[in-house]
Amino acid sequence: MAAVSLVLVSTVGRPALGQRVASSTMSRPAAPMGTMRGGSPLGEAERRRWAPVASMLLPGMGQALLHQDRFIAYLALEAWSVLEFSNQRTEARRQQSRYRGLARDVARSLYGQVRPVGSWAYYESMEHYLESGVFDREPGGNVDPDLDESTYNGAMWLLARTTYWTDPALAPSTESAEYRHAINFYLDRAVRSEYRWTWRNAQLEQDLYIRTIRRSNISFRAARAALGAVLANHVLSAVDAFVTLRVEGLEGGSPGSFALRGSVPFR
C-alpha cells in the first residue's frame, strides 16, 4: 500500500500557488530601500522588540508600537497620576509653610527674633505639648534638665531617668555611667533655647496649628500614593508589552496565518 501525502498551506492575504507561479515569471518593481516585501518597514520587528523598554520610559508607548488600543489607558493613568502627585505635593507644602508660620509667629514669638526652622519631629512635638520647657534651668556649667514633667523637655528628662536610673526619683552620682547615659539621652532629644515654644493663652491658634499639620500630612501621604501609582503604571505597561511579545513568539508567525496538513491513503 502506498500513500500520497497532501499538504495544504494557506495564509490570509497570500496569493494562490498558481498565481504565485504566474507572477514569478513577471517582472516586479524593486522594493524601495528600507522596506520589506509586502510594504512593511524593515525596522518594524526591531521596534517591536523595544516595546517593553519604551513602556518603562513612558507607559503606553510600547502598546502603541504593538498597535494595541489600550495604550490610551496607560497614558491616561500616567497623566492623572503625575497631575495628582503635583497637586498633592503643592498642597502639602502650602500647609507645611502655614503651620511653620503659626509656630514661628505665635508659639515662638516670646523667645527672641532668631527662630530657625526645626525638624519634622520638632513640629510634631508641638502638637502634643503646651510648652517646650527650658533646656537648662541654671545656665553655665553642667546642663540642669527641666523638672516640669508637663513640658516636653521635662517629659524627656523623666523618660531618661526611667530608662537609665534604678529609681527615677533618686539621682545617682553625676560621675556614674547611669547619670551620663541619662544626660546624653536628654541632650539628644530636648528642645534647645532657640527652639523654645509655648501655646499658653493661644489655645485657638494651637488648635488651628494641629488641623493644619494634619492636613499637610494627609496631602504628603496622597502625594506618595500618586507617585507609587506612577511607578506601578510604568512597570505594568512594560510587563504587558513583554508578555505580548512572548505570547506572539510562542504562537509563531503573524496573526491570520494557518496551515492544514494531512495524508490520503492510496492502494
Protein backbone atom coordinates (compact mmCIF):
# COMPACT_ATOMS: atom_id res chain seq x y z
CA MET A 1 0.00 0.00 0.00
CA ALA A 2 1.37 3.37 -0.93
CA ALA A 3 0.41 6.69 0.44
CA VAL A 4 0.47 10.11 -1.06
CA SER A 5 0.89 12.98 1.35
CA LEU A 6 -1.27 16.01 0.84
CA VAL A 7 -0.19 19.26 2.31
CA LEU A 8 -2.33 22.36 2.14
CA VAL A 9 -0.91 25.57 3.40
CA SER A 10 -2.89 28.77 3.31
CA THR A 11 -2.07 32.20 4.59
CA VAL A 12 -4.53 35.03 4.71
CA GLY A 13 -3.59 37.65 2.23
CA ARG A 14 -1.23 35.38 0.17
CA PRO A 15 -1.98 34.61 -3.50
CA ALA A 16 -2.75 31.06 -4.60
CA LEU A 17 0.03 28.77 -5.85
CA GLY A 18 -0.87 29.26 -9.49
CA GLN A 19 -0.92 32.97 -9.07
CA ARG A 20 2.48 32.88 -7.37
CA VAL A 21 3.95 30.78 -10.19
CA ALA A 22 2.50 33.08 -12.79
CA SER A 23 3.58 36.16 -11.01
CA SER A 24 7.10 34.78 -10.54
CA THR A 25 7.62 34.92 -14.32
CA MET A 26 6.59 38.54 -14.43
CA SER A 27 8.95 41.35 -13.73
CA ARG A 28 8.34 43.08 -10.41
CA PRO A 29 9.45 46.57 -9.43
CA ALA A 30 12.29 46.61 -6.93
CA ALA A 31 11.23 47.12 -3.34
CA PRO A 32 12.07 50.59 -2.05
CA MET A 33 15.00 50.93 0.26
CA GLY A 34 14.09 50.46 3.92
CA THR A 35 11.07 48.22 3.27
CA MET A 36 10.37 44.50 3.21
CA ARG A 37 8.26 42.69 0.70
CA GLY A 38 4.66 43.48 1.31
CA GLY A 39 5.44 47.12 2.12
CA SER A 40 6.18 46.70 5.85
CA PRO A 41 9.22 48.61 7.15
CA LEU A 42 12.38 46.65 7.78
CA GLY A 43 12.61 48.25 11.25
CA GLU A 44 9.14 47.10 12.39
CA ALA A 45 10.39 43.93 14.09
CA GLU A 46 13.21 45.83 15.75
CA ARG A 47 10.84 48.50 17.04
CA ARG A 48 8.54 45.84 18.47
CA ARG A 49 11.42 44.31 20.42
CA TRP A 50 11.95 47.67 22.11
CA ALA A 51 8.31 47.89 23.23
CA PRO A 52 8.96 46.89 26.90
CA VAL A 53 11.74 49.47 27.21
CA ALA A 54 9.54 52.13 25.63
CA SER A 55 6.74 51.30 28.06
CA MET A 56 9.11 51.54 31.00
CA LEU A 57 10.10 55.03 29.89
CA LEU A 58 6.55 56.16 29.04
CA PRO A 59 3.60 53.89 29.84
CA GLY A 60 1.56 53.10 26.74
CA MET A 61 4.38 53.72 24.28
CA GLY A 62 5.12 50.01 23.99
CA GLN A 63 1.46 49.25 23.41
CA ALA A 64 1.40 51.90 20.69
CA LEU A 65 4.38 50.21 19.00
CA LEU A 66 2.48 46.92 19.20
CA HIS A 67 -0.62 48.58 17.70
CA GLN A 68 -2.75 47.98 20.80
CA ASP A 69 -5.55 50.38 21.63
CA ARG A 70 -5.02 50.07 25.37
CA PHE A 71 -2.04 52.41 25.15
CA ILE A 72 -4.62 55.16 25.73
CA ALA A 73 -5.48 53.77 29.18
CA TYR A 74 -1.82 53.69 30.23
CA LEU A 75 -1.24 57.24 29.03
CA ALA A 76 -4.39 58.47 30.76
CA LEU A 77 -3.38 56.86 34.07
CA GLU A 78 0.11 58.33 33.76
CA ALA A 79 -1.26 61.82 33.16
CA TRP A 80 -3.69 61.58 36.09
CA SER A 81 -1.06 60.20 38.49
CA VAL A 82 1.51 62.86 37.63
CA LEU A 83 -1.07 65.63 37.98
CA GLU A 84 -2.32 64.22 41.30
CA PHE A 85 1.23 63.95 42.63
CA SER A 86 1.97 67.53 41.67
CA ASN A 87 -1.25 68.90 43.18
CA GLN A 88 -0.95 66.99 46.45
CA ARG A 89 2.70 67.88 46.91
CA THR A 90 1.94 71.55 46.29
CA GLU A 91 -0.90 71.46 48.83
CA ALA A 92 1.24 69.65 51.39
CA ARG A 93 3.99 72.25 51.11
CA ARG A 94 1.46 75.08 51.34
CA GLN A 95 0.07 73.64 54.58
CA GLN A 96 3.60 72.99 55.83
CA SER A 97 4.51 76.63 55.30
CA ARG A 98 1.33 77.63 57.11
CA TYR A 99 1.89 75.57 60.27
CA ARG A 100 5.53 76.60 60.44
CA GLY A 101 4.38 80.21 60.26
CA LEU A 102 1.94 79.67 63.13
CA ALA A 103 4.68 78.11 65.23
CA ARG A 104 7.09 80.94 64.44
CA ASP A 105 4.72 83.86 64.87
CA VAL A 106 2.64 82.59 67.80
CA ALA A 107 4.21 79.82 69.85
CA ARG A 108 7.80 81.06 69.50
CA SER A 109 7.16 84.79 69.47
CA LEU A 110 8.21 85.31 73.11
CA TYR A 111 11.66 83.83 72.75
CA GLY A 112 13.75 86.14 70.61
CA GLN A 113 13.98 87.04 66.96
CA VAL A 114 16.17 84.11 65.90
CA ARG A 115 13.74 81.28 65.11
CA PRO A 116 15.38 78.61 62.95
CA VAL A 117 13.30 76.03 61.10
CA GLY A 118 13.03 72.80 63.07
CA SER A 119 12.84 69.16 62.05
CA TRP A 120 9.61 67.27 61.47
CA ALA A 121 9.81 65.71 64.95
CA TYR A 122 10.07 69.19 66.47
CA TYR A 123 6.82 70.39 64.87
CA GLU A 124 5.11 67.12 65.71
CA SER A 125 6.03 67.62 69.40
CA MET A 126 4.30 71.00 69.33
CA GLU A 127 1.00 69.18 68.69
CA HIS A 128 1.15 67.31 71.98
CA TYR A 129 2.76 69.68 74.47
CA LEU A 130 1.62 73.11 75.55
CA GLU A 131 5.18 74.21 76.22
CA SER A 132 8.67 73.05 75.41
CA GLY A 133 10.04 73.98 78.81
CA VAL A 134 13.55 75.25 79.49
CA PHE A 135 16.59 73.45 78.20
CA ASP A 136 18.91 74.34 81.09
CA ARG A 137 17.46 75.53 84.41
CA GLU A 138 20.76 77.09 85.51
CA PRO A 139 22.83 78.24 82.53
CA GLY A 140 26.54 77.85 82.97
CA GLY A 141 28.39 74.70 83.91
CA ASN A 142 26.67 71.35 83.51
CA VAL A 143 23.19 71.09 81.99
CA ASP A 144 20.38 71.03 84.53
CA PRO A 145 17.35 69.47 82.79
CA ASP A 146 13.81 70.77 83.15
CA LEU A 147 11.96 69.14 86.04
CA ASP A 148 8.41 70.15 84.99
CA GLU A 149 7.06 66.88 83.60
CA SER A 150 4.13 68.63 81.87
CA THR A 151 6.54 70.25 79.38
CA TYR A 152 8.24 68.47 76.51
CA ASN A 153 11.75 68.79 77.99
CA GLY A 154 10.53 67.73 81.41
CA ALA A 155 8.90 64.65 79.86
CA MET A 156 12.15 63.81 78.05
CA TRP A 157 14.12 64.06 81.30
CA LEU A 158 11.60 61.80 83.04
CA LEU A 159 11.93 59.26 80.22
CA ALA A 160 15.72 59.42 80.50
CA ARG A 161 15.63 58.82 84.26
CA THR A 162 13.13 55.97 83.90
CA THR A 163 15.29 54.35 81.23
CA TYR A 164 18.70 54.53 82.91
CA TRP A 165 18.23 55.03 86.65
CA THR A 166 17.28 52.36 89.13
CA ASP A 167 14.99 54.84 90.86
CA PRO A 168 13.81 57.80 88.68
CA ALA A 169 13.29 59.90 91.82
CA LEU A 170 16.75 59.22 93.25
CA ALA A 171 19.65 60.70 91.31
CA PRO A 172 22.86 58.65 91.17
CA SER A 173 26.28 60.28 91.28
CA THR A 174 26.87 62.73 88.45
CA GLU A 175 30.05 60.77 87.68
CA SER A 176 28.23 57.45 87.28
CA ALA A 177 27.51 55.79 83.94
CA GLU A 178 23.77 55.84 84.68
CA TYR A 179 23.75 59.60 85.07
CA ARG A 180 25.87 60.19 81.96
CA HIS A 181 23.60 57.97 79.87
CA ALA A 182 20.52 59.83 81.08
CA ILE A 183 22.07 63.23 80.36
CA ASN A 184 23.13 62.16 76.87
CA PHE A 185 19.61 60.90 76.22
CA TYR A 186 18.22 64.27 77.29
CA LEU A 187 20.73 66.26 75.22
CA ASP A 188 19.80 64.28 72.10
CA ARG A 189 16.05 64.89 72.45
CA ALA A 190 15.45 68.08 74.44
CA VAL A 191 14.43 71.33 72.74
CA ARG A 192 17.21 73.92 72.83
CA SER A 193 16.67 77.54 73.81
CA GLU A 194 16.43 78.83 70.22
CA TYR A 195 13.52 76.42 69.56
CA ARG A 196 11.60 77.09 72.75
CA TRP A 197 7.81 77.48 72.44
CA THR A 198 4.61 77.97 74.40
CA TRP A 199 0.95 77.84 73.37
CA ARG A 200 -0.17 79.29 76.67
CA ASN A 201 -3.03 81.81 76.13
CA ALA A 202 -3.13 80.76 72.46
CA GLN A 203 -5.36 77.70 72.50
CA LEU A 204 -7.25 78.67 69.33
CA GLU A 205 -4.00 79.09 67.45
CA GLN A 206 -2.77 75.71 68.68
CA ASP A 207 -5.99 74.06 67.51
CA LEU A 208 -5.52 75.66 64.07
CA TYR A 209 -1.91 74.50 64.10
CA ILE A 210 -2.95 70.91 64.80
CA ARG A 211 -5.52 70.91 61.99
CA THR A 212 -3.05 72.43 59.55
CA ILE A 213 -0.26 69.99 60.28
CA ARG A 214 -2.66 67.09 59.87
CA ARG A 215 -3.87 68.40 56.50
CA SER A 216 -0.25 68.65 55.43
CA ASN A 217 0.36 65.05 56.47
CA ILE A 218 -2.68 63.85 54.53
CA SER A 219 -1.52 65.63 51.40
CA PHE A 220 2.01 64.24 51.72
CA ARG A 221 0.60 60.72 52.01
CA ALA A 222 -1.63 61.27 48.97
CA ALA A 223 1.39 62.54 47.01
CA ARG A 224 3.34 59.40 47.92
CA ALA A 225 0.41 57.23 46.83
CA ALA A 226 0.22 59.05 43.48
CA LEU A 227 3.95 58.59 42.99
CA GLY A 228 3.51 54.88 43.70
CA ALA A 229 0.79 54.77 41.03
CA VAL A 230 3.20 56.38 38.55
CA LEU A 231 5.88 53.77 39.22
CA ALA A 232 3.39 50.90 39.12
CA ASN A 233 2.00 52.13 35.80
CA HIS A 234 5.49 52.12 34.26
CA VAL A 235 6.17 48.57 35.45
CA LEU A 236 2.73 47.24 34.44
CA SER A 237 2.96 48.71 30.95
CA ALA A 238 6.45 47.25 30.46
CA VAL A 239 5.35 43.80 31.69
CA ASP A 240 2.28 43.95 29.46
CA ALA A 241 4.43 44.67 26.40
CA PHE A 242 6.91 41.93 27.33
CA VAL A 243 4.17 39.32 27.79
CA THR A 244 2.61 40.31 24.47
CA LEU A 245 5.90 39.72 22.66
CA ARG A 246 6.38 36.38 24.43
CA VAL A 247 2.90 35.18 23.53
CA GLU A 248 3.38 36.16 19.90
CA GLY A 249 6.69 34.30 19.87
CA LEU A 250 5.11 31.13 21.30
CA GLU A 251 2.26 31.21 18.82
CA GLY A 252 4.69 31.73 15.97
CA GLY A 253 4.06 33.70 12.86
CA SER A 254 1.77 36.61 12.38
CA PRO A 255 -1.93 36.51 13.20
CA GLY A 256 -4.14 35.39 10.33
CA SER A 257 -1.98 32.56 9.02
CA PHE A 258 -2.94 28.89 9.27
CA ALA A 259 -1.83 25.55 7.85
CA LEU A 260 -3.58 22.22 7.12
CA ARG A 261 -1.54 19.07 6.74
CA GLY A 262 -2.78 15.51 6.12
CA SER A 263 -2.24 12.30 4.11
CA VAL A 264 -4.51 10.35 1.74
CA PRO A 265 -4.06 6.57 1.69
CA PHE A 266 -3.64 5.07 -1.84
CA ARG A 267 -3.90 1.38 -2.76
